[in-house]
């Protein structure tokens, strides 16, 4: 998943500073960098508004690759794997014979997870939610929720991120141009 926004006034800015094109590039690069950071923040806020995940879990999957001012781009990517179901709002939180109930989405309450149980894995000593893959005791299947990139990829969340990123880009362009014109560069 990557995000792309347009600098609608890029050519106007380059024309305005045709005598000093390097300054125009720096102005646009600063705005792009700030917009990418705002996009990451908005992604974290929107995902946490809709899903039972922590800000740290979201932000650690998002990487911003800032290029030089000559390329005028910043890449915003979210890469991550599925999250164990136990890391969402799941009860019981420790190994128990109680029925397992879990809530991944913030809408609604905890839902029962049929035929699931919470146990400590022997391979890594971590607690997980399991089901039996067959009729016998083994093999066990670990249950997972969605990954952060899947959460961010939801259409309403993505649209909100793009809107915020574009808004911040336009605001920061105005701000950086004012700074340049006032001599505070």
Protein backbone atom coordinates (compact mmCIF):
# COMPACT_ATOMS: atom_id res chain seq x y z
CA UNK A 1 0.00 0.00 0.00
CA UNK A 2 1.40 3.38 -0.93
CA UNK A 3 -0.03 6.88 -0.97
CA UNK A 4 0.33 9.39 -3.78
CA UNK A 5 -0.73 13.06 -3.68
CA UNK A 6 -0.32 15.75 -6.28
CA UNK A 7 1.34 19.12 -6.05
CA UNK A 8 -1.15 20.96 -8.21
CA UNK A 9 0.83 24.19 -8.08
CA UNK A 10 4.28 22.71 -8.69
CA UNK A 11 4.75 24.35 -12.07
CA UNK A 12 3.46 27.69 -10.73
CA UNK A 13 5.97 27.57 -7.89
CA UNK A 14 8.80 26.66 -10.25
CA UNK A 15 7.82 29.57 -12.54
CA UNK A 16 7.61 31.95 -9.58
CA UNK A 17 11.16 31.10 -8.56
CA UNK A 18 12.65 30.58 -12.01
CA UNK A 19 15.72 32.59 -11.00
CA UNK A 20 16.28 30.36 -7.95
CA UNK A 21 14.87 26.91 -8.77
CA UNK A 22 16.74 25.28 -5.90
CA UNK A 23 14.73 27.28 -3.37
CA UNK A 24 11.48 26.25 -5.06
CA UNK A 25 12.52 22.60 -4.81
CA UNK A 26 13.37 22.96 -1.12
CA UNK A 27 10.00 24.62 -0.43
CA UNK A 28 8.12 21.78 -2.12
CA UNK A 29 10.27 19.07 -0.52
CA UNK A 30 9.63 20.44 2.98
CA UNK A 31 5.89 20.48 2.30
CA UNK A 32 5.97 16.93 0.93
CA UNK A 33 7.88 15.67 3.97
CA UNK A 34 5.41 17.26 6.37
CA UNK A 35 2.45 15.89 4.40
CA UNK A 36 3.86 12.35 4.55
CA UNK A 37 4.27 12.63 8.32
CA UNK A 38 0.70 13.91 8.64
CA UNK A 39 -0.48 10.96 6.54
CA UNK A 40 1.22 8.51 8.90
CA UNK A 41 -0.39 10.19 11.90
CA UNK A 42 -3.83 10.16 10.27
CA UNK A 43 -3.43 6.48 9.40
CA UNK A 44 -2.67 5.68 13.03
CA UNK A 45 -5.62 7.72 14.31
CA UNK A 46 -8.12 6.23 11.86
CA UNK A 47 -7.01 2.64 12.34
CA UNK A 48 -7.19 3.00 16.13
CA UNK A 49 -10.62 4.59 15.81
CA UNK A 50 -11.90 1.48 14.01
CA UNK A 51 -9.79 -1.39 15.36
CA UNK A 52 -8.51 -2.59 18.73
CA UNK A 53 -4.80 -1.93 18.10
CA UNK A 54 -2.24 0.32 19.74
CA UNK A 55 -0.64 3.35 18.15
CA UNK A 56 2.75 1.65 18.38
CA UNK A 57 1.49 -1.41 16.49
CA UNK A 58 0.28 0.86 13.68
CA UNK A 59 3.22 3.26 13.49
CA UNK A 60 5.88 0.55 13.49
CA UNK A 61 4.46 -0.79 10.20
CA UNK A 62 4.55 2.59 8.44
CA UNK A 63 7.76 3.70 6.81
CA UNK A 64 8.33 7.06 5.17
CA UNK A 65 11.15 7.10 2.64
CA UNK A 66 12.15 10.69 2.10
CA UNK A 67 14.05 11.31 -1.07
CA UNK A 68 16.22 14.33 -1.76
CA UNK A 69 14.80 17.72 -2.63
CA UNK A 70 15.79 17.08 -6.25
CA UNK A 71 13.31 14.20 -6.65
CA UNK A 72 10.42 15.93 -4.84
CA UNK A 73 8.86 12.75 -3.50
CA UNK A 74 8.29 10.84 -0.32
CA UNK A 75 7.09 7.24 -0.14
CA UNK A 76 4.61 6.27 2.56
CA UNK A 77 4.30 2.48 2.93
CA UNK A 78 2.74 0.16 5.44
CA UNK A 79 4.22 -3.31 5.59
CA UNK A 80 3.36 -5.87 8.22
CA UNK A 81 2.02 -9.32 8.89
CA UNK A 82 -1.23 -10.43 10.46
CA UNK A 83 -1.60 -9.79 14.18
CA UNK A 84 -2.28 -12.67 16.60
CA UNK A 85 -5.88 -12.64 17.83
CA UNK A 86 -4.68 -12.55 21.44
CA UNK A 87 -3.24 -9.06 20.80
CA UNK A 88 -6.72 -7.68 20.18
CA UNK A 89 -9.39 -7.40 22.90
CA UNK A 90 -9.54 -11.11 23.75
CA UNK A 91 -10.60 -12.88 26.92
CA UNK A 92 -9.26 -14.84 28.64
CA UNK A 93 -5.80 -13.34 28.29
CA UNK A 94 -4.00 -16.31 29.82
CA UNK A 95 -4.28 -20.07 29.36
CA UNK A 96 -7.72 -21.12 30.57
CA UNK A 97 -10.64 -23.44 29.90
CA UNK A 98 -13.04 -20.49 29.66
CA UNK A 99 -14.75 -19.83 26.33
CA UNK A 100 -12.80 -17.45 24.11
CA UNK A 101 -14.38 -14.13 23.17
CA UNK A 102 -12.66 -11.54 21.02
CA UNK A 103 -13.21 -8.11 19.52
CA UNK A 104 -11.09 -6.96 16.57
CA UNK A 105 -13.27 -4.07 15.41
CA UNK A 106 -14.41 -1.34 17.78
CA UNK A 107 -17.96 -1.65 16.51
CA UNK A 108 -19.98 -4.10 18.54
CA UNK A 109 -18.94 -6.24 21.46
CA UNK A 110 -16.82 -9.29 21.94
CA UNK A 111 -17.92 -12.25 19.86
CA UNK A 112 -17.42 -15.88 20.78
CA UNK A 113 -14.72 -17.73 18.87
CA UNK A 114 -16.08 -21.23 18.31
CA UNK A 115 -13.90 -24.19 19.29
CA UNK A 116 -11.04 -21.90 20.32
CA UNK A 117 -8.91 -21.99 23.44
CA UNK A 118 -6.08 -19.93 24.88
CA UNK A 119 -2.80 -21.71 25.60
CA UNK A 120 0.90 -21.06 25.83
CA UNK A 121 2.81 -22.17 22.73
CA UNK A 122 5.60 -24.61 23.45
CA UNK A 123 7.78 -23.28 20.64
CA UNK A 124 8.07 -19.67 21.84
CA UNK A 125 6.29 -19.63 25.23
CA UNK A 126 3.83 -16.96 24.06
CA UNK A 127 0.11 -17.07 24.73
CA UNK A 128 -2.06 -17.50 21.61
CA UNK A 129 -5.61 -18.37 20.63
CA UNK A 130 -5.74 -21.82 19.02
CA UNK A 131 -8.20 -24.17 17.37
CA UNK A 132 -7.67 -27.78 16.50
CA UNK A 133 -6.95 -28.28 12.81
CA UNK A 134 -8.26 -31.84 12.79
CA UNK A 135 -10.30 -34.15 14.96
CA UNK A 136 -7.32 -35.18 17.07
CA UNK A 137 -5.30 -33.22 19.58
CA UNK A 138 -2.73 -31.99 17.08
CA UNK A 139 -2.09 -30.08 14.85
CA UNK A 140 -3.12 -26.75 16.30
CA UNK A 141 -3.95 -23.69 14.27
CA UNK A 142 -3.10 -20.22 15.65
CA UNK A 143 -5.82 -17.64 15.03
CA UNK A 144 -4.97 -14.20 13.68
CA UNK A 145 -6.71 -10.91 13.03
CA UNK A 146 -6.03 -8.58 10.12
CA UNK A 147 -2.68 -6.91 9.46
CA UNK A 148 -2.22 -3.16 9.81
CA UNK A 149 -1.82 -2.73 6.00
CA UNK A 150 -5.19 -4.48 5.58
CA UNK A 151 -6.74 -2.10 8.10
CA UNK A 152 -5.23 0.95 6.41
CA UNK A 153 -6.32 -0.36 3.02
CA UNK A 154 -9.99 -0.08 3.93
CA UNK A 155 -11.51 2.39 1.47
CA UNK A 156 -12.89 4.89 4.01
CA UNK A 157 -9.63 4.95 5.97
CA UNK A 158 -7.54 5.35 2.81
CA UNK A 159 -9.73 8.19 1.54
CA UNK A 160 -9.39 10.00 4.86
CA UNK A 161 -5.59 9.61 4.80
CA UNK A 162 -5.39 10.94 1.24
CA UNK A 163 -7.61 13.92 2.07
CA UNK A 164 -5.53 14.82 5.12
CA UNK A 165 -2.24 14.39 3.26
CA UNK A 166 -3.39 16.60 0.38
CA UNK A 167 -4.70 19.27 2.80
CA UNK A 168 -1.44 19.37 4.77
CA UNK A 169 0.57 19.49 1.56
CA UNK A 170 -1.34 22.56 0.35
CA UNK A 171 -1.14 24.28 3.76
CA UNK A 172 2.57 23.60 4.10
CA UNK A 173 3.28 24.88 0.60
CA UNK A 174 1.63 28.18 1.54
CA UNK A 175 3.54 28.28 4.83
CA UNK A 176 6.93 27.51 3.26
CA UNK A 177 6.38 30.05 0.47
CA UNK A 178 5.56 32.73 3.06
CA UNK A 179 8.72 31.84 5.00
CA UNK A 180 10.78 32.11 1.85
CA UNK A 181 9.27 35.45 0.84
CA UNK A 182 9.79 36.88 4.35
CA UNK A 183 13.44 35.85 4.25
CA UNK A 184 13.16 33.23 7.00
CA UNK A 185 14.49 30.47 4.80
